[in-house]
Protein backbone atom coordinates (compact mmCIF):
# COMPACT_ATOMS: atom_id res chain seq x y z
CA MET A 1 207.23 144.36 -174.20
CA ILE A 2 207.75 146.88 -171.39
CA LYS A 3 210.76 145.77 -169.58
CA ARG A 4 211.18 145.31 -165.77
CA PHE A 5 212.57 148.06 -164.78
CA VAL A 6 211.87 151.36 -162.91
CA TRP A 7 213.56 155.01 -163.21
CA LEU A 8 213.37 156.04 -159.70
CA VAL A 9 213.40 160.09 -160.19
CA LEU A 10 214.52 162.78 -157.02
CA GLY A 11 212.70 162.59 -154.48
CA MET A 12 210.64 159.45 -155.34
CA LEU A 13 212.46 157.34 -152.71
CA ALA A 14 213.25 158.58 -149.56
CA VAL A 15 216.41 156.00 -149.12
CA PHE A 16 217.98 157.47 -151.73
CA ASN A 17 220.10 160.80 -152.61
CA ALA A 18 220.72 162.91 -155.18
CA SER A 19 222.69 160.76 -156.27
CA ALA A 20 220.12 158.09 -157.25
CA GLN A 21 218.24 160.43 -159.87
CA ASP A 22 219.73 158.54 -162.72
CA LYS A 23 220.16 155.30 -161.83
CA LYS A 24 218.12 152.38 -163.16
CA PHE A 25 216.75 149.36 -161.02
CA LYS A 26 215.21 146.01 -162.26
CA VAL A 27 211.54 145.59 -160.35
CA HIS A 28 209.40 142.83 -158.93
CA THR A 29 206.21 142.62 -157.29
CA ILE A 30 205.56 140.42 -154.69
CA ALA A 31 201.65 139.84 -153.73
CA PHE A 32 199.75 137.53 -151.95
CA TYR A 33 195.94 137.68 -151.82
CA ASN A 34 193.04 135.52 -149.93
CA ILE A 35 190.45 135.37 -152.50
CA GLU A 36 187.81 133.71 -150.59
CA ASN A 37 186.25 130.42 -151.18
CA LEU A 38 187.06 129.63 -154.77
CA PHE A 39 185.37 126.86 -155.18
CA ASP A 40 184.52 124.71 -158.53
CA THR A 41 181.07 123.43 -159.23
CA ILE A 42 182.32 119.82 -158.40
CA ASN A 43 180.83 117.98 -155.86
CA ASP A 44 184.12 116.68 -153.68
CA PRO A 45 183.61 113.94 -151.30
CA THR A 46 186.59 114.46 -149.50
CA ILE A 47 186.03 117.46 -148.12
CA ASN A 48 183.35 119.87 -147.04
CA ASP A 49 182.36 121.65 -150.48
CA GLU A 50 178.27 121.04 -149.94
CA GLU A 51 177.79 124.84 -149.58
CA TRP A 52 179.70 125.62 -153.01
CA LEU A 53 177.45 123.89 -154.99
CA ARG A 54 173.98 124.03 -157.21
CA ASP A 55 171.58 123.51 -154.47
CA GLY A 56 173.99 124.17 -151.92
CA ARG A 57 173.80 127.89 -149.48
CA GLN A 58 175.82 129.81 -152.27
CA LYS A 59 173.14 128.05 -155.05
CA TRP A 60 176.99 127.90 -156.99
CA THR A 61 176.45 127.48 -160.78
CA THR A 62 179.18 127.38 -163.49
CA LYS A 63 178.31 131.20 -164.62
CA LYS A 64 178.91 132.20 -161.27
CA TYR A 65 182.10 130.34 -161.04
CA LYS A 66 183.17 131.86 -164.24
CA LYS A 67 182.64 135.56 -163.05
CA LYS A 68 184.34 134.53 -159.81
CA LEU A 69 187.21 133.71 -161.87
CA ALA A 70 187.37 136.71 -164.42
CA ASN A 71 187.07 139.47 -161.29
CA LEU A 72 189.97 137.61 -159.79
CA SER A 73 191.68 137.33 -162.60
CA ARG A 74 191.45 140.95 -163.46
CA VAL A 75 192.89 141.89 -159.99
CA LEU A 76 195.94 139.20 -159.80
CA ALA A 77 197.26 140.97 -163.25
CA GLU A 78 196.89 144.27 -161.83
CA ILE A 79 198.12 144.17 -158.16
CA GLY A 80 201.16 146.38 -157.88
CA THR A 81 200.77 148.44 -161.15
CA GLY A 82 200.97 151.83 -160.15
CA GLU A 83 205.10 151.42 -159.55
CA ASN A 84 205.60 148.47 -162.37
CA PRO A 85 203.20 148.03 -165.53
CA GLU A 86 203.95 144.31 -165.17
CA SER A 87 201.96 141.57 -163.14
CA PRO A 88 203.67 140.15 -160.10
CA THR A 89 206.05 138.05 -160.54
CA ILE A 90 205.05 135.91 -157.65
CA ILE A 91 201.96 135.55 -156.19
CA GLY A 92 201.04 133.73 -153.12
CA ILE A 93 197.27 132.70 -152.86
CA ALA A 94 194.48 131.61 -150.14
CA GLU A 95 191.75 130.06 -149.54
CA ILE A 96 191.19 127.86 -152.92
CA GLU A 97 189.69 124.44 -153.12
CA ASN A 98 192.31 122.71 -155.40
CA ARG A 99 194.81 122.91 -158.08
CA GLY A 100 192.40 122.88 -160.94
CA VAL A 101 190.87 126.27 -159.94
CA LEU A 102 194.18 127.74 -159.92
CA GLU A 103 194.27 126.42 -163.41
CA ASP A 104 191.16 128.00 -164.44
CA LEU A 105 192.59 130.96 -163.10
CA LEU A 106 194.92 130.97 -165.21
CA LYS A 107 192.81 130.11 -168.42
CA GLN A 108 191.41 133.48 -168.32
CA PRO A 109 191.83 136.10 -170.87
CA ALA A 110 193.58 138.58 -167.88
CA LEU A 111 196.68 135.79 -166.80
CA VAL A 112 196.66 133.16 -169.81
CA ASN A 113 199.67 134.80 -171.46
CA LYS A 114 201.06 135.73 -168.45
CA ASP A 115 203.10 132.31 -168.46
CA TYR A 116 203.03 131.43 -164.67
CA GLY A 117 203.67 128.17 -163.18
CA ILE A 118 201.36 126.60 -160.22
CA ILE A 119 202.91 125.28 -156.70
CA HIS A 120 200.20 123.39 -155.05
CA PHE A 121 199.79 120.82 -152.55
CA ASP A 122 196.24 119.73 -150.67
CA SER A 123 195.78 120.62 -147.09
CA PRO A 124 194.12 118.65 -144.06
CA ASP A 125 191.80 122.13 -144.01
CA LYS A 126 188.67 120.90 -142.43
CA ARG A 127 187.06 123.12 -145.09
CA GLY A 128 188.96 121.83 -147.87
CA ILE A 129 190.59 125.00 -148.58
CA ASP A 130 194.58 125.22 -149.74
CA VAL A 131 197.02 127.87 -150.60
CA GLY A 132 199.23 128.26 -153.46
CA LEU A 133 201.63 130.01 -155.49
CA PHE A 134 201.88 131.40 -159.30
CA TYR A 135 205.27 132.33 -160.47
CA ASN A 136 206.55 133.96 -163.22
CA LYS A 137 208.43 130.86 -165.39
CA LYS A 138 210.42 133.74 -167.23
CA HIS A 139 211.55 135.28 -164.10
CA PHE A 140 211.55 132.80 -161.31
CA LYS A 141 212.88 129.24 -161.14
CA PRO A 142 211.84 126.88 -158.31
CA THR A 143 214.98 125.07 -157.17
CA SER A 144 212.47 123.19 -154.43
CA TYR A 145 209.11 123.25 -152.75
CA ILE A 146 207.01 121.47 -149.57
CA ASN A 147 204.15 121.95 -147.56
CA ILE A 148 204.82 121.79 -144.09
CA PRO A 149 201.87 120.98 -141.83
CA LEU A 150 200.96 122.43 -138.98
CA ILE A 151 200.03 119.66 -136.64
CA ILE A 152 197.94 121.37 -133.40
CA ARG A 153 196.60 119.65 -130.23
CA ASN A 154 194.87 121.79 -127.62
CA GLY A 155 196.92 124.91 -129.11
CA TYR A 156 200.06 123.78 -129.26
CA ILE A 157 202.03 122.59 -131.86
CA ALA A 158 203.17 119.03 -132.34
CA GLU A 159 206.78 118.43 -133.55
CA VAL A 160 206.97 118.79 -137.60
CA GLU A 161 208.98 115.25 -137.92
CA GLN A 162 207.17 112.24 -137.55
CA ASN A 163 206.17 110.73 -134.41
CA ASP A 164 204.26 108.13 -132.91
CA ALA A 165 200.75 110.57 -133.77
CA THR A 166 201.79 110.65 -137.38
CA LYS A 167 202.44 108.37 -140.23
CA GLU A 168 203.55 108.92 -143.93
CA SER A 169 200.68 107.54 -146.51
CA GLY A 170 201.16 106.03 -149.58
CA ASP A 171 201.20 109.07 -151.90
CA GLY A 172 203.76 110.89 -149.28
CA LYS A 173 201.93 113.14 -147.18
CA VAL A 174 202.17 112.85 -143.32
CA THR A 175 198.62 112.56 -141.61
CA ALA A 176 198.08 112.16 -138.21
CA GLU A 177 196.29 109.75 -136.17
CA TYR A 178 195.55 111.05 -132.97
CA THR A 179 192.57 112.61 -131.68
CA GLY A 180 192.17 116.45 -130.87
CA ARG A 181 193.88 117.93 -133.75
CA ILE A 182 193.04 120.84 -135.53
CA PHE A 183 193.03 120.54 -138.79
CA THR A 184 193.64 123.57 -140.86
CA ARG A 185 196.29 124.92 -143.68
CA ASP A 186 200.18 123.93 -144.41
CA GLN A 187 202.58 126.26 -144.72
CA LEU A 188 204.26 126.16 -148.43
CA LEU A 189 207.44 126.71 -148.27
CA VAL A 190 209.26 128.04 -151.86
CA THR A 191 212.94 128.51 -152.77
CA GLY A 192 214.03 129.22 -155.98
CA LEU A 193 216.30 132.20 -158.26
CA LEU A 194 214.43 134.87 -159.33
CA ASP A 195 216.41 136.30 -161.82
CA GLY A 196 219.60 134.23 -160.78
CA GLU A 197 219.00 135.34 -157.11
CA GLU A 198 218.04 132.66 -154.68
CA VAL A 199 214.52 134.01 -152.69
CA SER A 200 212.20 131.66 -150.91
CA PHE A 201 208.48 132.52 -150.34
CA ILE A 202 206.42 131.15 -147.42
CA VAL A 203 202.75 131.46 -148.17
CA ASN A 204 200.69 131.26 -144.77
CA HIS A 205 197.05 130.93 -144.05
CA TRP A 206 196.42 131.14 -140.26
CA PRO A 207 193.90 129.28 -138.21
CA SER A 208 191.04 131.62 -138.08
CA ARG A 209 189.09 133.66 -134.68
CA SER A 210 186.51 131.18 -134.64
CA GLY A 211 185.69 130.69 -131.10
CA GLY A 212 186.78 134.12 -130.71
CA GLU A 213 189.99 135.96 -130.66
CA LYS A 214 191.46 135.22 -127.48
CA LYS A 215 190.21 131.22 -127.27
CA SER A 216 191.71 130.58 -130.83
CA SER A 217 194.94 133.28 -130.19
CA PRO A 218 197.10 129.89 -129.29
CA ASN A 219 196.61 128.45 -132.20
CA ARG A 220 197.64 131.13 -134.51
CA GLU A 221 200.68 131.37 -132.24
CA ALA A 222 201.39 127.81 -132.61
CA ALA A 223 201.35 128.93 -136.64
CA ALA A 224 203.94 131.75 -135.92
CA ALA A 225 206.02 129.31 -134.14
CA LEU A 226 206.15 127.07 -137.31
CA ASN A 227 206.72 129.84 -139.54
CA ARG A 228 209.80 131.09 -136.96
CA LYS A 229 211.30 127.33 -137.30
CA ILE A 230 211.13 127.80 -140.99
CA ILE A 231 213.23 130.80 -141.43
CA ASP A 232 215.19 130.32 -139.10
CA SER A 233 216.57 126.67 -140.45
CA LEU A 234 216.28 128.83 -143.94
CA TYR A 235 218.75 131.17 -141.32
CA LYS A 236 220.91 127.83 -140.46
CA ILE A 237 221.74 127.01 -144.12
CA ASN A 238 222.50 130.81 -144.76
CA PRO A 239 222.70 133.60 -142.54
CA ASN A 240 222.27 136.02 -145.74
CA ALA A 241 218.46 133.72 -146.71
CA LYS A 242 216.21 136.60 -148.31
CA VAL A 243 212.85 135.04 -147.14
CA ILE A 244 209.24 136.33 -147.93
CA THR A 245 206.59 134.61 -145.76
CA MET A 246 203.46 136.40 -146.52
CA GLY A 247 199.66 135.01 -145.67
CA ASP A 248 196.57 135.58 -144.10
CA LEU A 249 198.12 135.78 -140.45
CA ASN A 250 194.06 136.37 -138.78
CA ASP A 251 196.19 138.49 -136.57
CA GLY A 252 197.38 141.92 -137.25
CA PRO A 253 200.71 143.00 -136.77
CA TYR A 254 200.88 143.66 -133.52
CA ASN A 255 199.01 140.65 -131.75
CA ASN A 256 201.11 138.40 -130.33
CA SER A 257 201.99 135.84 -133.17
CA VAL A 258 203.18 138.40 -134.93
CA LYS A 259 204.75 140.52 -132.60
CA LYS A 260 206.34 138.61 -129.90
CA VAL A 261 206.38 134.94 -131.31
CA LEU A 262 207.31 135.66 -135.16
CA GLY A 263 209.59 138.75 -133.78
CA ALA A 264 208.93 140.90 -136.45
CA LYS A 265 209.91 144.39 -135.70
CA GLY A 266 207.89 147.57 -137.51
CA LYS A 267 210.72 149.13 -137.71
CA LYS A 268 214.00 148.51 -140.21
CA ASP A 269 216.71 149.87 -137.62
CA GLU A 270 215.01 147.56 -134.84
CA VAL A 271 216.18 144.52 -136.73
CA LYS A 272 219.02 142.77 -136.26
CA GLN A 273 220.53 139.83 -138.17
CA GLY A 274 218.51 136.89 -138.27
CA GLY A 275 215.53 139.23 -137.51
CA LEU A 276 212.43 140.00 -139.50
CA PHE A 277 211.22 143.40 -140.72
CA ASN A 278 207.12 144.00 -140.81
CA PRO A 279 206.64 146.80 -143.28
CA MET A 280 202.49 146.52 -142.72
CA GLU A 281 202.70 147.82 -139.35
CA GLU A 282 203.24 150.85 -140.02
CA MET A 283 200.64 150.64 -142.62
CA ALA A 284 198.67 149.33 -139.57
CA HIS A 285 199.56 152.13 -137.34
CA LYS A 286 198.03 154.36 -140.18
CA GLY A 287 194.82 153.08 -139.82
CA ILE A 288 195.26 151.15 -143.54
CA GLY A 289 193.73 147.71 -143.59
CA THR A 290 193.08 144.24 -145.87
CA ILE A 291 190.10 143.12 -143.97
CA GLY A 292 186.94 145.41 -142.08
CA TYR A 293 184.59 143.92 -139.58
CA ARG A 294 181.83 145.93 -137.48
CA ASP A 295 183.09 149.45 -138.91
CA ALA A 296 186.97 148.61 -137.72
CA TRP A 297 189.75 147.67 -140.41
CA ASP A 298 192.35 144.97 -139.60
CA LEU A 299 195.70 144.20 -141.42
CA PHE A 300 195.57 140.63 -141.23
CA ASP A 301 197.13 140.00 -144.64
CA GLN A 302 200.97 140.64 -144.49
CA MET A 303 204.55 140.67 -146.36
CA ILE A 304 207.17 139.78 -143.69
CA MET A 305 210.76 139.56 -144.68
CA THR A 306 214.25 138.66 -143.82
CA GLU A 307 217.01 140.93 -142.54
CA PRO A 308 219.61 140.62 -145.71
CA LEU A 309 216.00 142.12 -148.03
CA ILE A 310 216.28 145.30 -146.18
CA ARG A 311 220.24 146.17 -146.28
CA LYS A 312 221.02 149.75 -147.52
CA ASP A 313 223.05 148.36 -150.98
CA TYR A 314 220.87 147.48 -153.64
CA THR A 315 223.38 145.33 -155.57
CA SER A 316 220.85 142.55 -155.30
CA PHE A 317 217.50 142.56 -154.74
CA ARG A 318 216.00 144.56 -151.62
CA PHE A 319 212.59 145.63 -150.31
CA TRP A 320 211.66 149.20 -151.43
CA LYS A 321 207.93 149.20 -150.43
CA ALA A 322 204.62 147.61 -149.64
CA GLY A 323 201.06 148.37 -150.25
CA VAL A 324 197.47 147.08 -149.98
CA TYR A 325 196.10 147.29 -153.47
CA ASN A 326 192.15 148.44 -152.58
CA LYS A 327 191.02 150.08 -155.85
CA THR A 328 187.94 151.12 -156.16
CA TYR A 329 186.30 148.56 -158.01
CA LEU A 330 187.48 145.95 -155.67
CA THR A 331 184.96 147.84 -152.89
CA GLN A 332 181.48 147.85 -151.59
CA SER A 333 180.49 151.48 -153.52
CA SER A 334 176.84 152.16 -151.40
CA GLY A 335 174.69 150.42 -148.27
CA GLN A 336 175.57 149.38 -144.75
CA TYR A 337 179.41 148.03 -145.91
CA LYS A 338 180.35 150.90 -148.62
CA GLY A 339 184.06 151.38 -148.46
CA TYR A 340 184.80 146.93 -147.67
CA PRO A 341 186.04 145.04 -150.11
CA LEU A 342 183.45 143.50 -152.28
CA ARG A 343 183.02 140.16 -151.97
CA ASN A 344 179.90 138.02 -152.80
CA SER A 345 176.47 139.51 -151.90
CA ASN A 346 173.12 138.34 -152.87
CA GLY A 347 173.88 135.53 -154.44
CA GLU A 348 176.19 137.56 -156.97
CA PRO A 349 179.63 136.69 -157.21
CA GLY A 350 182.30 139.71 -155.82
CA PHE A 351 185.86 139.61 -155.26
CA SER A 352 186.77 138.72 -152.06
CA ASP A 353 186.70 139.47 -148.31
CA HIS A 354 190.46 140.91 -148.51
CA PHE A 355 191.99 143.24 -150.36
CA PRO A 356 195.68 142.17 -151.84
CA VAL A 357 198.80 143.05 -150.18
CA TYR A 358 202.09 143.03 -152.14
CA VAL A 359 205.83 144.45 -152.02
CA TYR A 360 208.30 145.65 -154.75
CA LEU A 361 211.67 144.39 -154.82
CA ILE A 362 214.51 145.90 -156.75
CA GLN A 363 218.18 145.76 -157.88
CA GLU A 364 220.19 148.37 -159.32
CA VAL A 365 221.22 147.70 -162.68
CA LYS A 366 224.62 149.01 -164.10
């Protein structure tokens, strides 16, 4: 079995000098993928899944579902393998119907031997889609995980703690009783030991731009405020907390939700203690995107990290570099949408309307 190590040769990484030529580093790939409407073929009366049934608009069949699973499993196994031959250690996932589709994904030949565990909670999203997380059991040991509801009313976040507007149901879920709530995805917080070192991951799928970017912006700003609150709580517990918040933010690195509310910086030297670094900002500046719309690219899928992950010593895990996984087989090869992500079209399963994103974490091995 190929070991999770890379040898960084001279000139390969700008932050290293000539003395790095013979150094050996342990590497882990951390990935996120919005897999676009992974629904099974079973009618769930508690959610709006009618479109994804045999007689629904998508004419969704078992054959199509299995093809979609096979397509996605290939991508998940291969993200980031350009620099690290191993599949990702952590994969955040968005737009899944339920835990069952994640279990079906892991049964695919490309993933069945990867020894991934699943963390998932049902969200109150009106479309019935959730976020989830895969983790390599050999290298990551979860110590805690929780789904944190994003409660929005008229564009403003409500208190996360229970109040007069919420109650705890018999299964422990917090539900809202008041009218006017926008039902969207929870934010999934997972903390654990990555080869013995504590790291936290937050998986996000922020509210859409339905109704227009400007009108819907307060909803994503509310999501950013909740995300910042989670991160600050982790910082309060441990000023050296290593946190990666990832997801489809439905905003780019320059939008208010990311730049102002979350406070993510695009340059390492601008990140102060307690701050956040967004490596995707520079990529967006270069015109790299994860989703195309009306002949323009946006970089909605992002990986943002706390300051301890960008410090200059490599005695513990640090950020190396980020990427968008946009291989040729994931793109439309012809027609009006040539170059765009290859999604479902003409009744045939594709991959997704998003490209996956990833970062590498490395640690020097003595």
